[in-house]
Amino acid sequence: MANQQAQDLCEVRHIHSDRLERVGSYLEGVRDLAALFKILADETRLKIVYALSQEELCVCDLATLTGLTVSNTSHHLRLLRAHRLVKSRKQGRMVFYSLDDGHMVGLVTLGMDHIKEAAR
């Protein structure tokens, strides 16, 4: 363990100002990114997002998939919609949900690919 810790530390303390300046400008959006991941950290919401990455579904379908009540599923969907992760459209008396944009599809797909690759 002590040997591993030694491998994780620099032997010489030196600050690379040019690198810090470049990287520091990218960190401005981290708070919003953390909020996104916090929303997705809930297993139920992630199931909903993953299901919607495959196909547009109504609230009843999502409730059945997640094993929740329609009311509880609707609560999760309101939260996801408030964070602009999903959008809805009404067709007659039915409300269908889909992901708000292709970025969410890419994020979920990339995450699942990582999980599958790590399991090998």
Protein backbone atom coordinates (compact mmCIF):
# COMPACT_ATOMS: atom_id res chain seq x y z
CA MET A 1 0.00 0.00 0.00
CA ALA A 2 2.77 2.46 0.91
CA ASN A 3 4.58 1.56 -2.32
CA GLN A 4 1.40 2.31 -4.31
CA GLN A 5 1.05 5.69 -2.62
CA ALA A 6 4.64 6.53 -3.51
CA GLN A 7 3.88 5.75 -7.16
CA ASP A 8 1.00 8.23 -7.09
CA LEU A 9 3.13 11.16 -5.95
CA CYS A 10 5.60 13.32 -7.85
CA GLU A 11 9.14 13.06 -6.56
CA VAL A 12 9.63 16.77 -7.21
CA ARG A 13 7.06 19.48 -6.50
CA HIS A 14 6.65 21.66 -9.57
CA ILE A 15 3.64 23.64 -10.77
CA HIS A 16 3.10 23.71 -14.55
CA SER A 17 1.45 27.14 -14.86
CA ASP A 18 0.85 26.87 -18.61
CA ARG A 19 -1.03 23.58 -18.21
CA LEU A 20 -3.02 24.86 -15.24
CA GLU A 21 -4.07 27.92 -17.22
CA ARG A 22 -5.29 25.78 -20.14
CA VAL A 23 -7.10 23.22 -18.01
CA GLY A 24 -8.51 25.75 -15.55
CA SER A 25 -10.61 27.38 -18.25
CA TYR A 26 -12.30 24.02 -18.92
CA LEU A 27 -13.35 23.60 -15.30
CA GLU A 28 -15.90 26.42 -15.38
CA GLY A 29 -18.74 24.07 -16.40
CA VAL A 30 -17.93 21.34 -13.89
CA ARG A 31 -20.64 22.44 -11.44
CA ASP A 32 -23.33 21.98 -14.10
CA LEU A 33 -21.80 18.68 -15.16
CA ALA A 34 -21.80 17.48 -11.55
CA ALA A 35 -25.50 18.41 -11.32
CA LEU A 36 -26.18 16.37 -14.47
CA PHE A 37 -24.41 13.33 -13.05
CA LYS A 38 -26.18 13.80 -9.72
CA ILE A 39 -29.54 13.57 -11.51
CA LEU A 40 -28.35 10.48 -13.39
CA ALA A 41 -26.93 8.88 -10.23
CA ASP A 42 -30.41 7.73 -9.28
CA GLU A 43 -30.88 4.20 -10.65
CA THR A 44 -34.54 4.73 -11.52
CA ARG A 45 -33.87 7.92 -13.47
CA LEU A 46 -30.97 6.25 -15.23
CA LYS A 47 -33.23 3.34 -16.20
CA ILE A 48 -35.71 5.81 -17.64
CA VAL A 49 -33.01 7.67 -19.56
CA TYR A 50 -31.53 4.42 -20.86
CA ALA A 51 -34.94 3.14 -21.96
CA LEU A 52 -35.61 6.44 -23.72
CA SER A 53 -32.25 6.21 -25.46
CA GLN A 54 -33.69 3.15 -27.21
CA GLU A 55 -37.19 4.37 -28.02
CA GLU A 56 -39.86 6.96 -27.27
CA LEU A 57 -42.15 5.64 -24.52
CA CYS A 58 -45.25 6.75 -22.63
CA VAL A 59 -45.44 7.11 -18.85
CA CYS A 60 -47.32 3.80 -18.49
CA ASP A 61 -44.61 1.94 -20.44
CA LEU A 62 -41.87 3.51 -18.31
CA ALA A 63 -43.73 2.67 -15.09
CA THR A 64 -44.00 -0.95 -16.20
CA LEU A 65 -40.30 -1.11 -17.13
CA THR A 66 -39.14 0.38 -13.83
CA GLY A 67 -41.68 -1.40 -11.63
CA LEU A 68 -42.91 1.93 -10.23
CA THR A 69 -46.32 3.48 -10.06
CA VAL A 70 -47.33 5.87 -12.83
CA SER A 71 -47.33 8.67 -10.25
CA ASN A 72 -43.77 7.92 -9.08
CA THR A 73 -42.56 7.55 -12.67
CA SER A 74 -44.17 10.87 -13.52
CA HIS A 75 -42.32 12.49 -10.62
CA HIS A 76 -38.97 11.27 -12.01
CA LEU A 77 -39.93 12.45 -15.50
CA ARG A 78 -40.78 15.94 -14.19
CA LEU A 79 -37.32 16.15 -12.63
CA LEU A 80 -35.64 14.93 -15.82
CA ARG A 81 -37.67 17.41 -17.89
CA ALA A 82 -36.80 20.27 -15.51
CA HIS A 83 -33.12 19.56 -16.20
CA ARG A 84 -33.79 19.40 -19.96
CA LEU A 85 -32.81 15.73 -20.20
CA VAL A 86 -36.15 14.54 -21.57
CA LYS A 87 -38.98 16.12 -23.52
CA SER A 88 -42.61 15.17 -23.92
CA ARG A 89 -45.20 15.29 -26.63
CA LYS A 90 -48.89 14.74 -26.31
CA GLN A 91 -50.70 12.53 -28.77
CA GLY A 92 -54.41 12.48 -28.03
CA ARG A 93 -54.73 11.43 -24.41
CA MET A 94 -51.24 9.89 -24.25
CA VAL A 95 -47.97 11.61 -23.31
CA PHE A 96 -44.82 10.22 -24.89
CA TYR A 97 -41.30 10.95 -23.66
CA SER A 98 -37.99 10.96 -25.48
CA LEU A 99 -34.52 12.24 -24.73
CA ASP A 100 -34.14 15.97 -25.22
CA ASP A 101 -31.23 15.68 -27.64
CA GLY A 102 -28.63 13.37 -29.10
CA HIS A 103 -26.07 14.24 -26.44
CA MET A 104 -27.97 12.20 -23.87
CA VAL A 105 -28.13 9.21 -26.22
CA GLY A 106 -24.37 9.48 -26.71
CA LEU A 107 -23.70 9.82 -22.99
CA VAL A 108 -25.78 6.78 -22.07
CA THR A 109 -24.43 4.69 -24.95
CA LEU A 110 -20.85 5.59 -24.10
CA GLY A 111 -21.44 4.74 -20.43
CA MET A 112 -22.94 1.34 -21.28
CA ASP A 113 -20.08 0.60 -23.69
CA HIS A 114 -17.64 1.37 -20.88
CA ILE A 115 -19.47 -0.96 -18.48
CA LYS A 116 -19.52 -3.78 -21.03
CA GLU A 117 -15.82 -3.31 -21.83
CA ALA A 118 -14.82 -3.21 -18.16
CA ALA A 119 -16.71 -6.48 -17.56
CA ARG A 120 -14.53 -8.38 -20.05
